[in-house]
């Protein structure tokens, strides 16, 4: 019996994408039903609910009254998810997730081209593969916001920057996309900066009036004090040292911030080097991006590739290796399939699907076997995942190099059309 794929004329339509969207999100909802019916919550949403009701019931607002591990804007969706009460918090969070994912999907299919439909299908499939970390972490809300803003930034830089700035004040990573846009979108730089300053100033005023302005940047020191997380790409050698019992490396559970870290051996030194390496890498990639723009590389392709390079830099050179970080890379690749030639993005697209599947296998499926039993088979899965992440980072740099080499020297680059 032969199974035929739908013909392109039926597959490449907005209605078929929305059918796929409905199927994927129905699957998410089915998985969440036991939590919804029982009044429970999935993954880190238990912390979100605690923080929301600490603010609403006890008057203690994280990031305003006290220093917090997240930027203060993350309180907004957490409090919004309390709309149906504490018992149905998971349902409200799913509604937020599905609504923003619909926004991102609509932005992808808006052009009506074959590549835009491919990008939408790909984004939904990757989201499904990431499963629990997509629907159970705040990154699942910021990723579709980044998709929407990146596809809007050339035509509406001020509006796009408002969206990116709001997303950055929920989770810092969209700042990398803002940097890429500032380098590439020549005609809208002042509007991008203006929107970012306006959002940040508004948030700062709220924190100063209702709390302690010193708490505004508390998340920076909270992250800086962390050790090398188990899943971080550059923790991989330490993971194997702990498993093989060499060099004194071991796994440590930090119950305060709910993470597993690699300690001993060179993990301390590596952790201390992460921040300067991260800053240096971001500056070098931004400079590389500026050179490519100066030489006349296509602005749309440059915006997508530069965003991928900067975002994957944040993942590779990060002491925190949480599985939801894969959503950052996934969002930018979805945009790259639209703004650049989709055929050029075949490798990162395929590699990211494999990365998403491996990520879910490691966390949450086999995570306990890794952290408590030091299972080498799970460590192999994690190592493969991390190698794929590094390969996507390397691909983005090579793509920037090719775009630069193919451009004519000093040919003026136009605005990021199609972004």
Protein backbone atom coordinates (compact mmCIF):
# COMPACT_ATOMS: atom_id res chain seq x y z
CA UNK A 1 0.00 0.00 0.00
CA UNK A 2 1.54 3.30 -1.11
CA UNK A 3 1.20 6.40 1.01
CA UNK A 4 1.12 9.62 -1.00
CA UNK A 5 1.92 13.03 0.38
CA UNK A 6 -0.59 15.78 -0.40
CA UNK A 7 0.06 17.59 -3.66
CA UNK A 8 1.87 20.94 -3.35
CA UNK A 9 -1.26 22.84 -4.43
CA UNK A 10 -3.17 21.44 -1.45
CA UNK A 11 -0.23 21.33 0.96
CA UNK A 12 0.92 24.90 0.32
CA UNK A 13 -2.18 26.72 1.52
CA UNK A 14 -2.88 28.65 4.67
CA UNK A 15 -5.84 26.40 5.49
CA UNK A 16 -3.68 23.26 5.43
CA UNK A 17 -1.16 24.93 7.75
CA UNK A 18 -3.92 25.80 10.19
CA UNK A 19 -5.21 22.23 10.11
CA UNK A 20 -1.69 21.09 11.04
CA UNK A 21 -1.60 23.80 13.74
CA UNK A 22 -4.87 22.48 15.19
CA UNK A 23 -3.60 18.89 15.20
CA UNK A 24 -0.35 19.83 16.95
CA UNK A 25 -2.07 21.91 19.61
CA UNK A 26 -4.78 19.34 20.14
CA UNK A 27 -1.95 16.94 20.92
CA UNK A 28 -0.49 19.43 23.40
CA UNK A 29 -3.88 19.86 25.04
CA UNK A 30 -4.43 16.10 25.27
CA UNK A 31 -1.06 15.73 27.00
CA UNK A 32 -1.96 18.50 29.44
CA UNK A 33 -5.47 17.27 30.26
CA UNK A 34 -4.40 15.21 33.30
CA UNK A 35 -2.79 18.34 34.77
CA UNK A 36 -5.75 20.55 33.87
CA UNK A 37 -8.33 18.15 35.30
CA UNK A 38 -6.31 17.57 38.46
CA UNK A 39 -5.43 21.22 39.02
CA UNK A 40 -1.74 20.50 38.48
CA UNK A 41 0.85 22.16 36.27
CA UNK A 42 3.67 21.00 34.02
CA UNK A 43 7.36 21.61 34.57
CA UNK A 44 8.45 25.13 35.57
CA UNK A 45 4.87 26.40 35.43
CA UNK A 46 4.63 25.41 39.10
CA UNK A 47 7.11 28.18 39.86
CA UNK A 48 5.24 30.62 37.62
CA UNK A 49 2.03 29.94 39.54
CA UNK A 50 3.77 30.39 42.90
CA UNK A 51 5.29 33.70 41.82
CA UNK A 52 2.00 34.94 40.37
CA UNK A 53 0.02 34.22 43.52
CA UNK A 54 2.80 35.47 45.75
CA UNK A 55 2.23 38.79 44.00
CA UNK A 56 -1.58 38.68 43.86
CA UNK A 57 -2.25 37.24 47.32
CA UNK A 58 0.77 38.26 49.38
CA UNK A 59 1.77 41.48 47.62
CA UNK A 60 5.34 40.31 46.98
CA UNK A 61 6.19 41.09 43.35
CA UNK A 62 9.29 39.33 42.08
CA UNK A 63 11.67 41.65 40.28
CA UNK A 64 9.99 44.68 41.89
CA UNK A 65 10.00 44.06 45.62
CA UNK A 66 12.79 41.48 45.51
CA UNK A 67 15.61 40.49 43.15
CA UNK A 68 14.58 37.76 40.74
CA UNK A 69 16.13 35.20 38.39
CA UNK A 70 13.99 36.51 35.47
CA UNK A 71 13.64 39.99 33.99
CA UNK A 72 10.64 41.68 35.58
CA UNK A 73 8.55 41.57 32.40
CA UNK A 74 8.18 37.81 32.84
CA UNK A 75 5.63 38.59 35.55
CA UNK A 76 3.15 39.75 32.92
CA UNK A 77 2.31 36.36 31.34
CA UNK A 78 2.62 34.65 34.72
CA UNK A 79 -0.01 36.93 36.23
CA UNK A 80 -2.19 36.79 33.10
CA UNK A 81 -2.26 33.00 33.43
CA UNK A 82 -4.04 33.41 36.76
CA UNK A 83 -7.15 34.61 34.91
CA UNK A 84 -9.00 31.31 35.45
CA UNK A 85 -7.82 30.87 39.04
CA UNK A 86 -5.06 28.68 40.52
CA UNK A 87 -6.82 25.40 39.74
CA UNK A 88 -6.94 26.12 35.99
CA UNK A 89 -3.57 27.86 35.80
CA UNK A 90 -2.26 25.22 33.38
CA UNK A 91 -5.22 25.75 31.04
CA UNK A 92 -4.69 29.51 31.01
CA UNK A 93 -0.98 29.04 30.31
CA UNK A 94 -1.83 26.74 27.39
CA UNK A 95 -4.21 29.38 26.00
CA UNK A 96 -1.40 31.97 26.14
CA UNK A 97 1.00 29.52 24.48
CA UNK A 98 -1.45 28.57 21.71
CA UNK A 99 -2.45 32.18 21.09
CA UNK A 100 1.11 33.42 20.69
CA UNK A 101 2.03 30.38 18.62
CA UNK A 102 -0.89 31.23 16.34
CA UNK A 103 0.54 34.75 16.02
CA UNK A 104 3.95 33.40 15.04
CA UNK A 105 2.45 30.91 12.59
CA UNK A 106 0.33 33.63 10.99
CA UNK A 107 3.44 35.77 10.53
CA UNK A 108 5.18 32.86 8.78
CA UNK A 109 2.36 32.11 6.33
CA UNK A 110 1.48 35.74 5.65
CA UNK A 111 3.50 35.92 2.44
CA UNK A 112 1.78 32.97 0.87
CA UNK A 113 4.95 31.59 -0.73
CA UNK A 114 6.02 27.94 -0.78
CA UNK A 115 8.94 28.71 1.54
CA UNK A 116 6.68 30.48 4.03
CA UNK A 117 4.35 27.47 4.20
CA UNK A 118 7.37 25.18 4.57
CA UNK A 119 8.64 27.37 7.42
CA UNK A 120 5.28 27.21 9.19
CA UNK A 121 5.07 23.42 8.93
CA UNK A 122 8.66 23.16 10.07
CA UNK A 123 8.13 25.47 13.06
CA UNK A 124 5.08 23.53 14.22
CA UNK A 125 6.86 20.18 13.82
CA UNK A 126 9.92 21.41 15.75
CA UNK A 127 7.69 22.82 18.49
CA UNK A 128 5.93 19.46 18.76
CA UNK A 129 9.27 17.64 19.02
CA UNK A 130 10.36 19.94 21.84
CA UNK A 131 7.06 19.13 23.54
CA UNK A 132 7.21 19.78 27.30
CA UNK A 133 9.80 22.57 27.16
CA UNK A 134 7.78 24.37 24.47
CA UNK A 135 4.51 24.41 26.38
CA UNK A 136 6.01 24.33 29.87
CA UNK A 137 8.47 27.23 29.85
CA UNK A 138 8.21 30.96 29.27
CA UNK A 139 10.51 30.60 26.25
CA UNK A 140 7.53 29.03 24.47
CA UNK A 141 5.89 32.45 24.66
CA UNK A 142 8.89 34.56 23.64
CA UNK A 143 9.86 32.42 20.63
CA UNK A 144 6.74 33.22 18.52
CA UNK A 145 7.08 36.88 19.50
CA UNK A 146 10.60 36.87 18.05
CA UNK A 147 9.35 35.19 14.86
CA UNK A 148 6.67 37.86 14.44
CA UNK A 149 9.05 40.75 15.11
CA UNK A 150 11.80 39.48 12.80
CA UNK A 151 9.35 39.18 9.92
CA UNK A 152 8.05 42.69 10.65
CA UNK A 153 11.25 44.60 11.37
CA UNK A 154 11.96 45.91 7.85
CA UNK A 155 8.49 47.32 7.26
CA UNK A 156 7.69 48.33 10.85
CA UNK A 157 10.96 48.67 12.80
CA UNK A 158 9.39 50.59 15.67
CA UNK A 159 6.59 48.08 16.21
CA UNK A 160 8.97 45.14 15.78
CA UNK A 161 11.34 46.65 18.35
CA UNK A 162 8.46 47.12 20.80
CA UNK A 163 7.69 43.41 20.49
CA UNK A 164 11.35 42.39 20.77
CA UNK A 165 11.91 44.69 23.75
CA UNK A 166 8.86 43.29 25.54
CA UNK A 167 10.13 39.76 24.84
CA UNK A 168 13.60 40.70 26.10
CA UNK A 169 12.13 41.90 29.39
CA UNK A 170 10.57 38.43 29.74
CA UNK A 171 13.70 36.47 28.79
CA UNK A 172 16.97 38.12 27.77
CA UNK A 173 17.74 36.18 24.58
CA UNK A 174 15.72 38.34 22.11
CA UNK A 175 18.30 41.07 22.75
CA UNK A 176 20.56 39.14 20.34
CA UNK A 177 17.94 39.59 17.62
CA UNK A 178 17.68 43.30 18.46
CA UNK A 179 21.44 43.58 17.96
CA UNK A 180 21.21 41.85 14.57
CA UNK A 181 18.42 44.21 13.51
CA UNK A 182 20.39 47.26 14.64
CA UNK A 183 23.31 46.21 12.46
CA UNK A 184 21.32 45.25 9.36
CA UNK A 185 18.22 47.50 9.18
CA UNK A 186 19.84 50.78 8.20
CA UNK A 187 16.70 52.86 7.71
CA UNK A 188 15.11 51.92 11.02
CA UNK A 189 17.92 52.01 13.56
CA UNK A 190 16.72 55.10 15.41
CA UNK A 191 13.19 53.69 15.63
CA UNK A 192 14.52 50.36 16.91
CA UNK A 193 16.55 52.13 19.58
CA UNK A 194 13.67 54.48 20.42
CA UNK A 195 11.22 51.66 20.98
CA UNK A 196 13.69 49.75 23.12
CA UNK A 197 14.44 52.80 25.25
CA UNK A 198 10.72 53.56 25.65
CA UNK A 199 9.86 50.04 26.83
CA UNK A 200 12.86 49.83 29.15
CA UNK A 201 12.24 53.29 30.62
CA UNK A 202 8.59 52.45 31.25
CA UNK A 203 9.52 49.25 33.07
CA UNK A 204 12.21 51.05 35.08
CA UNK A 205 9.70 53.69 36.20
CA UNK A 206 7.25 51.02 37.35
CA UNK A 207 9.93 49.21 39.36
CA UNK A 208 11.22 52.48 40.89
CA UNK A 209 7.74 53.68 41.88
CA UNK A 210 6.40 50.41 43.28
CA UNK A 211 9.57 48.73 44.49
CA UNK A 212 13.35 49.00 44.50
CA UNK A 213 15.05 50.06 41.27
CA UNK A 214 18.05 47.91 42.24
CA UNK A 215 15.93 44.83 41.62
CA UNK A 216 15.57 45.75 37.93
CA UNK A 217 18.86 44.06 37.03
CA UNK A 218 18.82 41.42 39.75
CA UNK A 219 18.50 38.65 37.17
CA UNK A 220 22.00 39.45 35.86
CA UNK A 221 23.72 38.71 39.16
CA UNK A 222 21.50 35.67 39.73
CA UNK A 223 22.61 34.12 36.44
CA UNK A 224 26.22 35.11 36.94
CA UNK A 225 26.44 33.20 40.22
CA UNK A 226 25.40 29.90 38.63
CA UNK A 227 27.80 27.05 37.87
CA UNK A 228 28.14 25.05 34.66
CA UNK A 229 24.77 23.41 34.06
CA UNK A 230 24.74 19.74 33.13
CA UNK A 231 23.26 20.25 29.63
CA UNK A 232 25.38 23.25 28.56
CA UNK A 233 27.38 22.48 25.39
CA UNK A 234 30.73 23.30 26.99
CA UNK A 235 29.87 21.13 30.00
CA UNK A 236 30.09 18.02 27.82
CA UNK A 237 33.72 17.13 28.74
CA UNK A 238 32.85 17.55 32.41
CA UNK A 239 29.82 15.29 32.02
CA UNK A 240 32.02 12.51 30.69
CA UNK A 241 34.62 13.09 33.41
CA UNK A 242 31.88 12.69 36.03
CA UNK A 243 30.54 9.53 34.38
CA UNK A 244 33.98 7.92 34.02
CA UNK A 245 35.04 9.02 37.50
CA UNK A 246 38.12 10.92 36.32
CA UNK A 247 39.55 14.31 37.35
CA UNK A 248 37.22 14.66 40.33
CA UNK A 249 34.22 15.97 38.37
CA UNK A 250 30.76 15.28 39.78
CA UNK A 251 27.10 16.28 39.39
CA UNK A 252 25.64 18.70 41.94
CA UNK A 253 21.95 19.46 42.39
CA UNK A 254 21.38 23.13 43.22
CA UNK A 255 17.98 22.96 44.88
CA UNK A 256 17.74 26.74 45.26
CA UNK A 257 17.54 27.38 41.50
CA UNK A 258 16.45 23.84 40.57
CA UNK A 259 19.37 22.89 38.31
CA UNK A 260 21.95 20.13 37.95
CA UNK A 261 25.50 21.37 37.60
CA UNK A 262 28.89 19.87 36.81
CA UNK A 263 31.42 20.65 39.51
CA UNK A 264 35.03 19.73 40.15
CA UNK A 265 37.86 19.28 37.62
CA UNK A 266 37.94 22.30 35.28
CA UNK A 267 34.25 23.15 35.58
CA UNK A 268 34.92 26.14 37.83
CA UNK A 269 37.47 27.62 35.45
CA UNK A 270 35.23 26.96 32.44
CA UNK A 271 32.30 28.59 34.26
CA UNK A 272 34.37 31.68 35.05
CA UNK A 273 35.39 31.98 31.39
CA UNK A 274 31.85 31.69 30.04
CA UNK A 275 30.77 35.30 30.52
CA UNK A 276 33.85 36.92 28.93
CA UNK A 277 33.78 34.34 26.12
CA UNK A 278 30.11 35.04 25.53
CA UNK A 279 30.61 38.81 25.39
CA UNK A 280 33.66 38.51 23.11
CA UNK A 281 31.87 36.10 20.77
CA UNK A 282 28.82 38.35 20.48
CA UNK A 283 31.02 41.35 19.64
CA UNK A 284 32.96 39.39 17.02
CA UNK A 285 29.80 38.06 15.36
CA UNK A 286 28.28 41.56 15.33
CA UNK A 287 31.45 42.91 13.71
CA UNK A 288 31.39 40.10 11.16
CA UNK A 289 27.76 40.97 10.43
CA UNK A 290 28.60 44.66 9.94
CA UNK A 291 31.37 43.76 7.48
CA UNK A 292 28.97 41.60 5.49
CA UNK A 293 26.46 44.47 5.34
CA UNK A 294 29.18 46.91 4.27
CA UNK A 295 30.18 44.61 1.41
CA UNK A 296 26.58 44.52 0.20
CA UNK A 297 25.26 41.14 1.35
CA UNK A 298 21.47 40.73 0.88
CA UNK A 299 19.79 42.33 3.87
CA UNK A 300 17.04 39.73 4.40
CA UNK A 301 19.46 36.81 4.33
CA UNK A 302 21.87 38.77 6.49
CA UNK A 303 19.24 39.55 9.11
CA UNK A 304 18.24 35.89 9.41
CA UNK A 305 21.81 34.54 9.38
CA UNK A 306 23.11 37.18 11.76
CA UNK A 307 20.25 36.51 14.17
CA UNK A 308 20.99 32.79 14.07
CA UNK A 309 24.71 33.39 14.65
CA UNK A 310 24.09 35.69 17.61
CA UNK A 311 21.37 33.55 19.19
CA UNK A 312 23.36 30.33 18.82
CA UNK A 313 26.34 32.18 20.35
CA UNK A 314 24.17 32.74 23.43
CA UNK A 315 23.52 29.01 23.59
CA UNK A 316 27.01 27.66 22.86
CA UNK A 317 28.91 30.03 25.19
CA UNK A 318 26.44 29.86 28.06
CA UNK A 319 26.99 28.23 31.44
CA UNK A 320 23.24 27.59 31.55
CA UNK A 321 22.13 24.85 29.17
CA UNK A 322 18.41 24.58 29.79
CA UNK A 323 16.52 22.54 27.16
CA UNK A 324 14.18 25.43 26.35
CA UNK A 325 17.15 27.28 24.84
CA UNK A 326 16.60 25.13 21.75
CA UNK A 327 13.43 27.16 21.13
CA UNK A 328 15.61 30.23 20.59
CA UNK A 329 17.48 28.63 17.72
CA UNK A 330 14.30 27.05 16.35
CA UNK A 331 12.50 30.40 16.10
CA UNK A 332 15.32 32.01 14.12
CA UNK A 333 15.67 29.06 11.73
CA UNK A 334 11.94 29.28 10.97
CA UNK A 335 12.45 32.91 9.98
CA UNK A 336 15.56 32.04 7.97
CA UNK A 337 13.50 29.68 5.81
CA UNK A 338 11.38 32.71 4.84
CA UNK A 339 13.90 35.56 4.60
CA UNK A 340 16.67 33.61 2.90
CA UNK A 341 16.58 30.87 0.27
CA UNK A 342 15.04 27.87 2.02
CA UNK A 343 17.34 25.49 0.15
CA UNK A 344 20.36 27.19 1.74
CA UNK A 345 18.92 26.52 5.18
CA UNK A 346 18.40 22.80 4.68
CA UNK A 347 21.23 21.80 7.01
CA UNK A 348 20.23 23.85 10.09
CA UNK A 349 16.57 22.93 9.54
CA UNK A 350 17.28 19.18 9.48
CA UNK A 351 19.89 19.42 12.24
CA UNK A 352 17.48 21.35 14.45
CA UNK A 353 14.75 18.73 14.09
CA UNK A 354 17.25 16.10 15.23
CA UNK A 355 18.38 18.44 18.01
CA UNK A 356 14.80 18.91 19.19
CA UNK A 357 14.18 15.16 19.29
CA UNK A 358 17.42 14.50 21.18
CA UNK A 359 16.65 17.33 23.60
CA UNK A 360 13.31 15.78 24.54
CA UNK A 361 14.87 12.34 24.89
CA UNK A 362 17.42 13.75 27.34
CA UNK A 363 14.91 15.99 29.13
CA UNK A 364 12.47 14.99 30.42
CA UNK A 365 12.40 11.36 29.26
CA UNK A 366 15.80 10.02 30.39
CA UNK A 367 17.00 12.92 32.53
CA UNK A 368 16.84 11.09 35.86
CA UNK A 369 18.90 8.25 34.42
CA UNK A 370 21.59 10.78 33.50
CA UNK A 371 21.71 12.92 36.62
CA UNK A 372 21.19 10.21 39.24
CA UNK A 373 22.47 7.02 37.57
CA UNK A 374 25.18 8.61 35.38
CA UNK A 375 23.89 6.57 32.45
CA UNK A 376 26.47 6.76 29.61
CA UNK A 377 23.84 6.01 26.95
CA UNK A 378 21.95 9.18 27.87
CA UNK A 379 25.24 11.07 27.94
CA UNK A 380 25.78 9.97 24.33
CA UNK A 381 22.39 11.45 23.40
CA UNK A 382 23.29 14.71 25.15
CA UNK A 383 26.70 14.80 23.48
CA UNK A 384 25.14 14.34 20.04
CA UNK A 385 22.64 17.10 20.83
CA UNK A 386 25.39 19.49 21.87
CA UNK A 387 27.50 18.67 18.81
CA UNK A 388 24.51 19.49 16.60
CA UNK A 389 24.01 22.82 18.39
CA UNK A 390 27.68 23.71 17.86
CA UNK A 391 27.42 22.64 14.20
CA UNK A 392 24.47 25.00 13.68
CA UNK A 393 26.53 27.82 15.19
CA UNK A 394 29.43 26.99 12.88
CA UNK A 395 27.06 26.80 9.89
CA UNK A 396 25.75 30.29 10.66
CA UNK A 397 29.30 31.68 10.64
CA UNK A 398 30.08 29.90 7.36
CA UNK A 399 26.84 31.23 5.86
CA UNK A 400 27.83 34.75 6.90
CA UNK A 401 31.19 34.19 5.23
CA UNK A 402 29.56 32.99 2.01
CA UNK A 403 27.15 35.94 1.96
CA UNK A 404 30.10 38.29 2.41
CA UNK A 405 32.21 36.63 -0.26
CA UNK A 406 29.37 36.61 -2.78
CA UNK A 407 28.56 40.30 -2.29
CA UNK A 408 30.16 43.04 -4.34
CA UNK A 409 32.63 45.16 -2.40
CA UNK A 410 31.06 48.37 -1.09
CA UNK A 411 27.75 47.73 -2.88
CA UNK A 412 25.16 49.54 -0.73
CA UNK A 413 22.80 47.22 1.08
CA UNK A 414 19.12 48.10 0.95
CA UNK A 415 16.67 47.80 3.80
CA UNK A 416 15.86 44.32 5.05
CA UNK A 417 13.14 43.71 2.51
CA UNK A 418 10.97 40.80 3.36
CA UNK A 419 12.04 40.87 6.98
